[in-house]
Amino acid sequence: MTAYSAFESLVVGLVVLACALGAFRRMMPKTHARLKLSAGNWLTKRGHPAWMQSLGQKWSARKVDAGGCGSGCGTCDSCGTPSSEVSPPKADDGAPVRPVKLVKRESI
């Protein structure tokens, strides 16, 4: 095995790991939040270095729950306007943009 192939395998492995963690975070957000909270609480224990404790404080900070449908919080966790009250996008001239309608055609 050459140095290049070892480096290539390491890079590919890191990319696959990053994609798997991203999919885990997207598909299981509550489990991700629970694991992050547990790791944050462990990192803030006395005796750990200061950089670990500061990272643990960031990870163990809880977000305020949205409160459910109709609470005024969008799905982006920014707690802005609900998605039903969001105005449609506007074109440069100020006219509303019409959505593209896809039509399935039968093959010949």
PDB file of N, CA and C in Angstrom:
ATOM      1  N   MET A   1       0.846  -1.166   0.000  1.00  0.00           N
ATOM      2  CA  MET A   1       0.000   0.000   0.000  1.00  0.00           C
ATOM      3  C   MET A   1       0.899   1.238   0.000  1.00  0.00           C
ATOM      4  N   THR A   2       0.647   2.126  -0.920  1.00  0.00           N
ATOM      5  CA  THR A   2       1.440   3.345  -1.009  1.00  0.00           C
ATOM      6  C   THR A   2       0.874   4.404  -0.072  1.00  0.00           C
ATOM      7  N   ALA A   3       1.631   5.445   0.134  1.00  0.00           N
ATOM      8  CA  ALA A   3       1.181   6.532   1.001  1.00  0.00           C
ATOM      9  C   ALA A   3      -0.055   7.217   0.414  1.00  0.00           C
ATOM     10  N   TYR A   4      -0.085   7.340  -0.915  1.00  0.00           N
ATOM     11  CA  TYR A   4      -1.236   7.979  -1.548  1.00  0.00           C
ATOM     12  C   TYR A   4      -2.515   7.164  -1.342  1.00  0.00           C
ATOM     13  N   SER A   5      -2.451   5.858  -1.508  1.00  0.00           N
ATOM     14  CA  SER A   5      -3.658   5.045  -1.340  1.00  0.00           C
ATOM     15  C   SER A   5      -4.109   5.036   0.119  1.00  0.00           C
ATOM     16  N   ALA A   6      -3.177   5.099   1.060  1.00  0.00           N
ATOM     17  CA  ALA A   6      -3.554   5.192   2.475  1.00  0.00           C
ATOM     18  C   ALA A   6      -4.252   6.522   2.751  1.00  0.00           C
ATOM     19  N   PHE A   7      -3.697   7.610   2.199  1.00  0.00           N
ATOM     20  CA  PHE A   7      -4.306   8.931   2.357  1.00  0.00           C
ATOM     21  C   PHE A   7      -5.681   8.973   1.707  1.00  0.00           C
ATOM     22  N   GLU A   8      -5.803   8.382   0.525  1.00  0.00           N
ATOM     23  CA  GLU A   8      -7.076   8.343  -0.188  1.00  0.00           C
ATOM     24  C   GLU A   8      -8.119   7.561   0.609  1.00  0.00           C
ATOM     25  N   SER A   9      -7.724   6.438   1.182  1.00  0.00           N
ATOM     26  CA  SER A   9      -8.651   5.651   1.995  1.00  0.00           C
ATOM     27  C   SER A   9      -9.090   6.418   3.228  1.00  0.00           C
ATOM     28  N   LEU A  10      -8.177   7.158   3.845  1.00  0.00           N
ATOM     29  CA  LEU A  10      -8.512   7.963   5.017  1.00  0.00           C
ATOM     30  C   LEU A  10      -9.510   9.060   4.655  1.00  0.00           C
ATOM     31  N   VAL A  11      -9.284   9.747   3.544  1.00  0.00           N
ATOM     32  CA  VAL A  11     -10.187  10.817   3.123  1.00  0.00           C
ATOM     33  C   VAL A  11     -11.567  10.259   2.789  1.00  0.00           C
ATOM     34  N   VAL A  12     -11.625   9.156   2.068  1.00  0.00           N
ATOM     35  CA  VAL A  12     -12.918   8.549   1.723  1.00  0.00           C
ATOM     36  C   VAL A  12     -13.649   8.110   2.990  1.00  0.00           C
ATOM     37  N   GLY A  13     -12.924   7.529   3.933  1.00  0.00           N
ATOM     38  CA  GLY A  13     -13.533   7.119   5.196  1.00  0.00           C
ATOM     39  C   GLY A  13     -14.091   8.298   5.974  1.00  0.00           C
ATOM     40  N   LEU A  14     -13.362   9.420   5.995  1.00  0.00           N
ATOM     41  CA  LEU A  14     -13.852  10.615   6.689  1.00  0.00           C
ATOM     42  C   LEU A  14     -15.087  11.203   6.014  1.00  0.00           C
ATOM     43  N   VAL A  15     -15.134  11.171   4.689  1.00  0.00           N
ATOM     44  CA  VAL A  15     -16.305  11.669   3.963  1.00  0.00           C
ATOM     45  C   VAL A  15     -17.522  10.791   4.247  1.00  0.00           C
ATOM     46  N   VAL A  16     -17.330   9.479   4.240  1.00  0.00           N
ATOM     47  CA  VAL A  16     -18.437   8.557   4.530  1.00  0.00           C
ATOM     48  C   VAL A  16     -18.927   8.749   5.964  1.00  0.00           C
ATOM     49  N   LEU A  17     -18.004   8.925   6.909  1.00  0.00           N
ATOM     50  CA  LEU A  17     -18.382   9.152   8.304  1.00  0.00           C
ATOM     51  C   LEU A  17     -19.169  10.450   8.458  1.00  0.00           C
ATOM     52  N   ALA A  18     -18.720  11.508   7.784  1.00  0.00           N
ATOM     53  CA  ALA A  18     -19.431  12.787   7.856  1.00  0.00           C
ATOM     54  C   ALA A  18     -20.836  12.670   7.270  1.00  0.00           C
ATOM     55  N   CYS A  19     -20.975  11.959   6.172  1.00  0.00           N
ATOM     56  CA  CYS A  19     -22.305  11.767   5.565  1.00  0.00           C
ATOM     57  C   CYS A  19     -23.207  10.933   6.474  1.00  0.00           C
ATOM     58  N   ALA A  20     -22.654   9.904   7.098  1.00  0.00           N
ATOM     59  CA  ALA A  20     -23.444   9.071   8.004  1.00  0.00           C
ATOM     60  C   ALA A  20     -23.896   9.869   9.218  1.00  0.00           C
ATOM     61  N   LEU A  21     -23.029  10.716   9.766  1.00  0.00           N
ATOM     62  CA  LEU A  21     -23.426  11.542  10.904  1.00  0.00           C
ATOM     63  C   LEU A  21     -24.477  12.567  10.505  1.00  0.00           C
ATOM     64  N   GLY A  22     -24.354  13.125   9.305  1.00  0.00           N
ATOM     65  CA  GLY A  22     -25.364  14.064   8.827  1.00  0.00           C
ATOM     66  C   GLY A  22     -26.715  13.396   8.635  1.00  0.00           C
ATOM     67  N   ALA A  23     -26.710  12.185   8.107  1.00  0.00           N
ATOM     68  CA  ALA A  23     -27.969  11.448   7.925  1.00  0.00           C
ATOM     69  C   ALA A  23     -28.563  11.078   9.278  1.00  0.00           C
ATOM     70  N   PHE A  24     -27.713  10.682  10.225  1.00  0.00           N
ATOM     71  CA  PHE A  24     -28.204  10.357  11.566  1.00  0.00           C
ATOM     72  C   PHE A  24     -28.839  11.581  12.207  1.00  0.00           C
ATOM     73  N   ARG A  25     -28.207  12.733  12.060  1.00  0.00           N
ATOM     74  CA  ARG A  25     -28.741  13.958  12.657  1.00  0.00           C
ATOM     75  C   ARG A  25     -30.072  14.350  12.020  1.00  0.00           C
ATOM     76  N   ARG A  26     -30.178  14.161  10.701  1.00  0.00           N
ATOM     77  CA  ARG A  26     -31.401  14.549  10.004  1.00  0.00           C
ATOM     78  C   ARG A  26     -32.539  13.560  10.243  1.00  0.00           C
ATOM     79  N   MET A  27     -32.234  12.265  10.281  1.00  0.00           N
ATOM     80  CA  MET A  27     -33.283  11.253  10.399  1.00  0.00           C
ATOM     81  C   MET A  27     -33.726  11.010  11.846  1.00  0.00           C
ATOM     82  N   MET A  28     -32.837  11.245  12.805  1.00  0.00           N
ATOM     83  CA  MET A  28     -33.180  11.011  14.206  1.00  0.00           C
ATOM     84  C   MET A  28     -32.799  12.221  15.057  1.00  0.00           C
ATOM     85  N   PRO A  29     -33.527  13.337  14.907  1.00  0.00           N
ATOM     86  CA  PRO A  29     -33.124  14.561  15.608  1.00  0.00           C
ATOM     87  C   PRO A  29     -33.256  14.469  17.127  1.00  0.00           C
ATOM     88  N   LYS A  30     -34.269  13.775  17.634  1.00  0.00           N
ATOM     89  CA  LYS A  30     -34.419  13.678  19.093  1.00  0.00           C
ATOM     90  C   LYS A  30     -33.316  12.832  19.713  1.00  0.00           C
ATOM     91  N   THR A  31     -32.972  11.737  19.062  1.00  0.00           N
ATOM     92  CA  THR A  31     -31.884  10.891  19.555  1.00  0.00           C
ATOM     93  C   THR A  31     -30.567  11.655  19.490  1.00  0.00           C
ATOM     94  N   HIS A  32     -30.359  12.400  18.420  1.00  0.00           N
ATOM     95  CA  HIS A  32     -29.149  13.210  18.293  1.00  0.00           C
ATOM     96  C   HIS A  32     -29.084  14.241  19.414  1.00  0.00           C
ATOM     97  N   ALA A  33     -30.200  14.902  19.693  1.00  0.00           N
ATOM     98  CA  ALA A  33     -30.212  15.914  20.745  1.00  0.00           C
ATOM     99  C   ALA A  33     -29.947  15.283  22.113  1.00  0.00           C
ATOM    100  N   ARG A  34     -30.530  14.100  22.360  1.00  0.00           N
ATOM    101  CA  ARG A  34     -30.299  13.413  23.637  1.00  0.00           C
ATOM    102  C   ARG A  34     -28.835  13.020  23.810  1.00  0.00           C
ATOM    103  N   LEU A  35     -28.227  12.476  22.747  1.00  0.00           N
ATOM    104  CA  LEU A  35     -26.821  12.093  22.811  1.00  0.00           C
ATOM    105  C   LEU A  35     -25.916  13.314  22.983  1.00  0.00           C
ATOM    106  N   LYS A  36     -26.249  14.397  22.305  1.00  0.00           N
ATOM    107  CA  LYS A  36     -25.468  15.618  22.417  1.00  0.00           C
ATOM    108  C   LYS A  36     -25.570  16.198  23.826  1.00  0.00           C
ATOM    109  N   LEU A  37     -26.757  16.151  24.421  1.00  0.00           N
ATOM    110  CA  LEU A  37     -26.955  16.625  25.785  1.00  0.00           C
ATOM    111  C   LEU A  37     -26.181  15.769  26.777  1.00  0.00           C
ATOM    112  N   SER A  38     -26.217  14.456  26.610  1.00  0.00           N
ATOM    113  CA  SER A  38     -25.478  13.559  27.500  1.00  0.00           C
ATOM    114  C   SER A  38     -23.972  13.798  27.397  1.00  0.00           C
ATOM    115  N   ALA A  39     -23.482  13.945  26.165  1.00  0.00           N
ATOM    116  CA  ALA A  39     -22.056  14.203  25.977  1.00  0.00           C
ATOM    117  C   ALA A  39     -21.680  15.566  26.552  1.00  0.00           C
ATOM    118  N   GLY A  40     -22.541  16.552  26.401  1.00  0.00           N
ATOM    119  CA  GLY A  40     -22.278  17.877  26.957  1.00  0.00           C
ATOM    120  C   GLY A  40     -22.228  17.860  28.467  1.00  0.00           C
ATOM    121  N   ASN A  41     -23.139  17.113  29.087  1.00  0.00           N
ATOM    122  CA  ASN A  41     -23.127  17.002  30.549  1.00  0.00           C
ATOM    123  C   ASN A  41     -21.871  16.294  31.036  1.00  0.00           C
ATOM    124  N   TRP A  42     -21.413  15.288  30.312  1.00  0.00           N
ATOM    125  CA  TRP A  42     -20.197  14.587  30.704  1.00  0.00           C
ATOM    126  C   TRP A  42     -18.969  15.485  30.560  1.00  0.00           C
ATOM    127  N   LEU A  43     -18.949  16.294  29.491  1.00  0.00           N
ATOM    128  CA  LEU A  43     -17.800  17.163  29.256  1.00  0.00           C
ATOM    129  C   LEU A  43     -17.679  18.291  30.281  1.00  0.00           C
ATOM    130  N   THR A  44     -18.777  18.688  30.922  1.00  0.00           N
ATOM    131  CA  THR A  44     -18.737  19.799  31.872  1.00  0.00           C
ATOM    132  C   THR A  44     -18.341  19.358  33.277  1.00  0.00           C
ATOM    133  N   LYS A  45     -18.033  18.087  33.469  1.00  0.00           N
ATOM    134  CA  LYS A  45     -17.637  17.620  34.801  1.00  0.00           C
ATOM    135  C   LYS A  45     -16.339  18.268  35.246  1.00  0.00           C
ATOM    136  N   ARG A  46     -16.207  18.419  36.557  1.00  0.00           N
ATOM    137  CA  ARG A  46     -14.993  18.986  37.136  1.00  0.00           C
ATOM    138  C   ARG A  46     -13.814  18.064  36.863  1.00  0.00           C
ATOM    139  N   GLY A  47     -12.664  18.650  36.573  1.00  0.00           N
ATOM    140  CA  GLY A  47     -11.474  17.873  36.287  1.00  0.00           C
ATOM    141  C   GLY A  47     -11.134  17.809  34.810  1.00  0.00           C
ATOM    142  N   HIS A  48     -12.104  18.132  33.953  1.00  0.00           N
ATOM    143  CA  HIS A  48     -11.813  18.178  32.522  1.00  0.00           C
ATOM    144  C   HIS A  48     -11.167  19.514  32.177  1.00  0.00           C
ATOM    145  N   PRO A  49     -10.372  19.556  31.111  1.00  0.00           N
ATOM    146  CA  PRO A  49      -9.747  20.827  30.711  1.00  0.00           C
ATOM    147  C   PRO A  49     -10.798  21.884  30.371  1.00  0.00           C
ATOM    148  N   ALA A  50     -10.379  23.140  30.369  1.00  0.00           N
ATOM    149  CA  ALA A  50     -11.306  24.260  30.138  1.00  0.00           C
ATOM    150  C   ALA A  50     -11.947  24.189  28.761  1.00  0.00           C
ATOM    151  N   TRP A  51     -11.192  23.769  27.736  1.00  0.00           N
ATOM    152  CA  TRP A  51     -11.772  23.718  26.397  1.00  0.00           C
ATOM    153  C   TRP A  51     -12.861  22.653  26.318  1.00  0.00           C
ATOM    154  N   MET A  52     -12.691  21.548  27.072  1.00  0.00           N
ATOM    155  CA  MET A  52     -13.736  20.515  27.091  1.00  0.00           C
ATOM    156  C   MET A  52     -14.980  21.022  27.813  1.00  0.00           C
ATOM    157  N   GLN A  53     -14.771  21.753  28.908  1.00  0.00           N
ATOM    158  CA  GLN A  53     -15.912  22.276  29.654  1.00  0.00           C
ATOM    159  C   GLN A  53     -16.684  23.312  28.847  1.00  0.00           C
ATOM    160  N   SER A  54     -15.986  24.159  28.092  1.00  0.00           N
ATOM    161  CA  SER A  54     -16.691  25.155  27.273  1.00  0.00           C
ATOM    162  C   SER A  54     -17.463  24.480  26.136  1.00  0.00           C
ATOM    163  N   LEU A  55     -16.878  23.436  25.552  1.00  0.00           N
ATOM    164  CA  LEU A  55     -17.591  22.675  24.516  1.00  0.00           C
ATOM    165  C   LEU A  55     -18.813  21.978  25.119  1.00  0.00           C
ATOM    166  N   GLY A  56     -18.652  21.435  26.319  1.00  0.00           N
ATOM    167  CA  GLY A  56     -19.769  20.781  26.996  1.00  0.00           C
ATOM    168  C   GLY A  56     -20.896  21.741  27.329  1.00  0.00           C
ATOM    169  N   GLN A  57     -20.552  22.993  27.686  1.00  0.00           N
ATOM    170  CA  GLN A  57     -21.585  23.984  27.973  1.00  0.00           C
ATOM    171  C   GLN A  57     -22.364  24.335  26.709  1.00  0.00           C
ATOM    172  N   LYS A  58     -21.672  24.390  25.585  1.00  0.00           N
ATOM    173  CA  LYS A  58     -22.374  24.673  24.328  1.00  0.00           C
ATOM    174  C   LYS A  58     -23.297  23.518  23.949  1.00  0.00           C
ATOM    175  N   TRP A  59     -22.819  22.298  24.135  1.00  0.00           N
ATOM    176  CA  TRP A  59     -23.611  21.134  23.755  1.00  0.00           C
ATOM    177  C   TRP A  59     -24.764  20.870  24.713  1.00  0.00           C
ATOM    178  N   SER A  60     -24.618  21.217  25.978  1.00  0.00           N
ATOM    179  CA  SER A  60     -25.670  20.902  26.930  1.00  0.00           C
ATOM    180  C   SER A  60     -26.720  22.002  27.043  1.00  0.00           C
ATOM    181  N   ALA A  61     -26.566  23.099  26.299  1.00  0.00           N
ATOM    182  CA  ALA A  61     -27.572  24.152  26.301  1.00  0.00           C
ATOM    183  C   ALA A  61     -28.815  23.625  25.606  1.00  0.00           C
ATOM    184  N   ARG A  62     -29.953  23.761  26.263  1.00  0.00           N
ATOM    185  CA  ARG A  62     -31.214  23.254  25.697  1.00  0.00           C
ATOM    186  C   ARG A  62     -31.907  24.336  24.894  1.00  0.00           C
ATOM    187  N   LYS A  63     -32.525  23.929  23.799  1.00  0.00           N
ATOM    188  CA  LYS A  63     -33.357  24.837  23.028  1.00  0.00           C
ATOM    189  C   LYS A  63     -34.757  24.828  23.617  1.00  0.00           C
ATOM    190  N   VAL A  64     -35.485  25.929  23.437  1.00  0.00           N
ATOM    191  CA  VAL A  64     -36.874  25.994  23.865  1.00  0.00           C
ATOM    192  C   VAL A  64     -37.713  25.222  22.863  1.00  0.00           C
ATOM    193  N   ASP A  65     -38.578  24.338  23.344  1.00  0.00           N
ATOM    194  CA  ASP A  65     -39.420  23.547  22.442  1.00  0.00           C
ATOM    195  C   ASP A  65     -40.398  24.442  21.710  1.00  0.00           C
ATOM    196  N   ALA A  66     -40.755  24.025  20.502  1.00  0.00           N
ATOM    197  CA  ALA A  66     -41.607  24.828  19.631  1.00  0.00           C
ATOM    198  C   ALA A  66     -43.044  24.912  20.135  1.00  0.00           C
ATOM    199  N   GLY A  67     -43.573  23.882  20.736  1.00  0.00           N
ATOM    200  CA  GLY A  67     -44.928  23.942  21.249  1.00  0.00           C
ATOM    201  C   GLY A  67     -45.967  23.315  20.345  1.00  0.00           C
ATOM    202  N   GLY A  68     -45.614  22.832  19.193  1.00  0.00           N
ATOM    203  CA  GLY A  68     -46.555  22.109  18.354  1.00  0.00           C
ATOM    204  C   GLY A  68     -47.104  22.937  17.221  1.00  0.00           C
ATOM    205  N   CYS A  69     -48.063  22.358  16.511  1.00  0.00           N
ATOM    206  CA  CYS A  69     -48.653  22.992  15.349  1.00  0.00           C
ATOM    207  C   CYS A  69     -49.429  24.244  15.751  1.00  0.00           C
ATOM    208  N   GLY A  70     -49.324  25.271  14.952  1.00  0.00           N
ATOM    209  CA  GLY A  70     -50.072  26.491  15.193  1.00  0.00           C
ATOM    210  C   GLY A  70     -49.474  27.361  16.280  1.00  0.00           C
ATOM    211  N   SER A  71     -48.274  27.046  16.748  1.00  0.00           N
ATOM    212  CA  SER A  71     -47.689  27.845  17.814  1.00  0.00           C
ATOM    213  C   SER A  71     -46.965  29.072  17.271  1.00  0.00           C
ATOM    214  N   GLY A  72     -46.871  29.188  15.956  1.00  0.00           N
ATOM    215  CA  GLY A  72     -46.181  30.322  15.367  1.00  0.00           C
ATOM    216  C   GLY A  72     -44.729  30.037  15.065  1.00  0.00           C
ATOM    217  N   CYS A  73     -44.300  28.826  15.308  1.00  0.00           N
ATOM    218  CA  CYS A  73     -42.905  28.490  15.053  1.00  0.00           C
ATOM    219  C   CYS A  73     -42.831  27.671  13.772  1.00  0.00           C
ATOM    220  N   GLY A  74     -41.950  28.069  12.875  1.00  0.00           N
ATOM    221  CA  GLY A  74     -41.775  27.351  11.628  1.00  0.00           C
ATOM    222  C   GLY A  74     -40.967  26.083  11.829  1.00  0.00           C
ATOM    223  N   THR A  75     -40.757  25.344  10.775  1.00  0.00           N
ATOM    224  CA  THR A  75     -40.006  24.098  10.862  1.00  0.00           C
ATOM    225  C   THR A  75     -38.507  24.317  10.871  1.00  0.00           C
ATOM    226  N   CYS A  76     -38.053  25.542  10.693  1.00  0.00           N
ATOM    227  CA  CYS A  76     -36.617  25.816  10.634  1.00  0.00           C
ATOM    228  C   CYS A  76     -36.032  26.107  12.006  1.00  0.00           C
ATOM    229  N   ASP A  77     -36.794  25.992  13.083  1.00  0.00           N
ATOM    230  CA  ASP A  77     -36.381  26.257  14.460  1.00  0.00           C
ATOM    231  C   ASP A  77     -35.944  27.695  14.678  1.00  0.00           C
ATOM    232  N   SER A  78     -36.431  28.611  13.871  1.00  0.00           N
ATOM    233  CA  SER A  78     -36.083  30.008  14.069  1.00  0.00           C
ATOM    234  C   SER A  78     -37.194  30.741  14.811  1.00  0.00           C
ATOM    235  N   CYS A  79     -38.317  30.079  15.040  1.00  0.00           N
ATOM    236  CA  CYS A  79     -39.478  30.647  15.746  1.00  0.00           C
ATOM    237  C   CYS A  79     -39.910  31.973  15.142  1.00  0.00           C
ATOM    238  N   GLY A  80     -39.974  32.000  13.826  1.00  0.00           N
ATOM    239  CA  GLY A  80     -40.468  33.173  13.106  1.00  0.00           C
ATOM    240  C   GLY A  80     -41.960  33.022  12.878  1.00  0.00           C
ATOM    241  N   THR A  81     -42.428  33.427  11.726  1.00  0.00           N
ATOM    242  CA  THR A  81     -43.840  33.299  11.413  1.00  0.00           C
ATOM    243  C   THR A  81     -44.144  31.872  11.007  1.00  0.00           C
ATOM    244  N   PRO A  82     -45.352  31.388  11.293  1.00  0.00           N
ATOM    245  CA  PRO A  82     -45.694  30.039  10.861  1.00  0.00           C
ATOM    246  C   PRO A  82     -45.709  29.950   9.344  1.00  0.00           C
ATOM    247  N   SER A  83     -45.532  28.747   8.844  1.00  0.00           N
ATOM    248  CA  SER A  83     -45.412  28.564   7.402  1.00  0.00           C
ATOM    249  C   SER A  83     -46.680  28.953   6.655  1.00  0.00           C
ATOM    250  N   SER A  84     -47.856  28.954   7.319  1.00  0.00           N
ATOM    251  CA  SER A  84     -49.097  29.323   6.643  1.00  0.00           C
ATOM    252  C   SER A  84     -49.192  30.831   6.429  1.00  0.00           C
ATOM    253  N   GLU A  85     -48.436  31.622   7.199  1.00  0.00           N
ATOM    254  CA  GLU A  85     -48.502  33.072   7.082  1.00  0.00           C
ATOM    255  C   GLU A  85     -47.351  33.649   6.272  1.00  0.00           C
ATOM    256  N   VAL A  86     -46.489  32.807   5.736  1.00  0.00           N
ATOM    257  CA  VAL A  86     -45.349  33.286   4.968  1.00  0.00           C
ATOM    258  C   VAL A  86     -45.857  33.780   3.621  1.00  0.00           C
ATOM    259  N   SER A  87     -45.432  34.988   3.243  1.00  0.00           N
ATOM    260  CA  SER A  87     -45.887  35.547   1.973  1.00  0.00           C
ATOM    261  C   SER A  87     -45.170  34.855   0.817  1.00  0.00           C
ATOM    262  N   PRO A  88     -45.842  34.746  -0.342  1.00  0.00           N
ATOM    263  CA  PRO A  88     -45.211  34.097  -1.486  1.00  0.00           C
ATOM    264  C   PRO A  88     -44.034  34.923  -1.973  1.00  0.00           C
ATOM    265  N   PRO A  89     -43.062  34.278  -2.613  1.00  0.00           N
ATOM    266  CA  PRO A  89     -41.902  35.028  -3.115  1.00  0.00           C
ATOM    267  C   PRO A  89     -42.309  36.008  -4.207  1.00  0.00           C
ATOM    268  N   LYS A  90     -41.583  37.094  -4.298  1.00  0.00           N
ATOM    269  CA  LYS A  90     -41.867  38.128  -5.292  1.00  0.00           C
ATOM    270  C   LYS A  90     -40.750  38.164  -6.325  1.00  0.00           C
ATOM    271  N   ALA A  91     -41.118  38.513  -7.558  1.00  0.00           N
ATOM    272  CA  ALA A  91     -40.124  38.688  -8.610  1.00  0.00           C
ATOM    273  C   ALA A  91     -39.473  40.056  -8.434  1.00  0.00           C
ATOM    274  N   ASP A  92     -38.485  40.359  -9.235  1.00  0.00           N
ATOM    275  CA  ASP A  92     -37.778  41.634  -9.135  1.00  0.00           C
ATOM    276  C   ASP A  92     -38.699  42.824  -9.361  1.00  0.00           C
ATOM    277  N   ASP A  93     -39.724  42.644 -10.205  1.00  0.00           N
ATOM    278  CA  ASP A  93     -40.629  43.753 -10.480  1.00  0.00           C
ATOM    279  C   ASP A  93     -41.760  43.852  -9.461  1.00  0.00           C
ATOM    280  N   GLY A  94     -41.784  42.990  -8.448  1.00  0.00           N
ATOM    281  CA  GLY A  94     -42.781  43.053  -7.391  1.00  0.00           C
ATOM    282  C   GLY A  94     -43.973  42.138  -7.612  1.00  0.00           C
ATOM    283  N   ALA A  95     -44.095  41.521  -8.783  1.00  0.00           N
ATOM    284  CA  ALA A  95     -45.214  40.626  -9.058  1.00  0.00           C
ATOM    285  C   ALA A  95     -44.958  39.277  -8.387  1.00  0.00           C
ATOM    286  N   PRO A  96     -46.014  38.625  -7.873  1.00  0.00           N
ATOM    287  CA  PRO A  96     -45.804  37.314  -7.250  1.00  0.00           C
ATOM    288  C   PRO A  96     -45.333  36.283  -8.276  1.00  0.00           C
ATOM    289  N   VAL A  97     -44.497  35.382  -7.830  1.00  0.00           N
ATOM    290  CA  VAL A  97     -43.961  34.341  -8.696  1.00  0.00           C
ATOM    291  C   VAL A  97     -44.912  33.153  -8.667  1.00  0.00           C
ATOM    292  N   ARG A  98     -45.297  32.694  -9.857  1.00  0.00           N
ATOM    293  CA  ARG A  98     -46.182  31.535  -9.924  1.00  0.00           C
ATOM    294  C   ARG A  98     -45.353  30.268  -9.858  1.00  0.00           C
ATOM    295  N   PRO A  99     -45.811  29.269  -9.115  1.00  0.00           N
ATOM    296  CA  PRO A  99     -45.053  28.022  -9.040  1.00  0.00           C
ATOM    297  C   PRO A  99     -45.122  27.259 -10.355  1.00  0.00           C
ATOM    298  N   VAL A 100     -44.107  26.480 -10.608  1.00  0.00           N
ATOM    299  CA  VAL A 100     -44.045  25.663 -11.822  1.00  0.00           C
ATOM    300  C   VAL A 100     -44.904  24.431 -11.592  1.00  0.00           C
ATOM    301  N   LYS A 101     -45.760  24.115 -12.551  1.00  0.00           N
ATOM    302  CA  LYS A 101     -46.628  22.958 -12.455  1.00  0.00           C
ATOM    303  C   LYS A 101     -46.081  21.869 -13.362  1.00  0.00           C
ATOM    304  N   LEU A 102     -45.789  20.706 -12.799  1.00  0.00           N
ATOM    305  CA  LEU A 102     -45.270  19.587 -13.591  1.00  0.00           C
ATOM    306  C   LEU A 102     -46.432  18.720 -14.025  1.00  0.00           C
ATOM    307  N   VAL A 103     -46.442  18.380 -15.314  1.00  0.00           N
ATOM    308  CA  VAL A 103     -47.507  17.559 -15.884  1.00  0.00           C
ATOM    309  C   VAL A 103     -46.875  16.297 -16.438  1.00  0.00           C
ATOM    310  N   LYS A 104     -47.405  15.157 -16.040  1.00  0.00           N
ATOM    311  CA  LYS A 104     -46.882  13.889 -16.525  1.00  0.00           C
ATOM    312  C   LYS A 104     -47.549  13.578 -17.862  1.00  0.00           C
ATOM    313  N   ARG A 105     -46.725  13.355 -18.867  1.00  0.00           N
ATOM    314  CA  ARG A 105     -47.252  13.043 -20.197  1.00  0.00           C
ATOM    315  C   ARG A 105     -47.131  11.556 -20.450  1.00  0.00           C
ATOM    316  N   GLU A 106     -48.058  11.050 -21.211  1.00  0.00           N
ATOM    317  CA  GLU A 106     -48.010   9.647 -21.586  1.00  0.00           C
ATOM    318  C   GLU A 106     -46.989   9.444 -22.686  1.00  0.00           C
ATOM    319  N   SER A 107     -46.285   8.316 -22.629  1.00  0.00           N
ATOM    320  CA  SER A 107     -45.292   8.058 -23.667  1.00  0.00           C
ATOM    321  C   SER A 107     -46.004   7.641 -24.958  1.00  0.00           C
ATOM    322  N   ILE A 108     -45.336   7.861 -26.057  1.00  0.00           N
ATOM    323  CA  ILE A 108     -45.940   7.588 -27.370  1.00  0.00           C
ATOM    324  C   ILE A 108     -45.797   6.133 -27.712  1.00  0.00           C
TER     325      ILE A 108
END
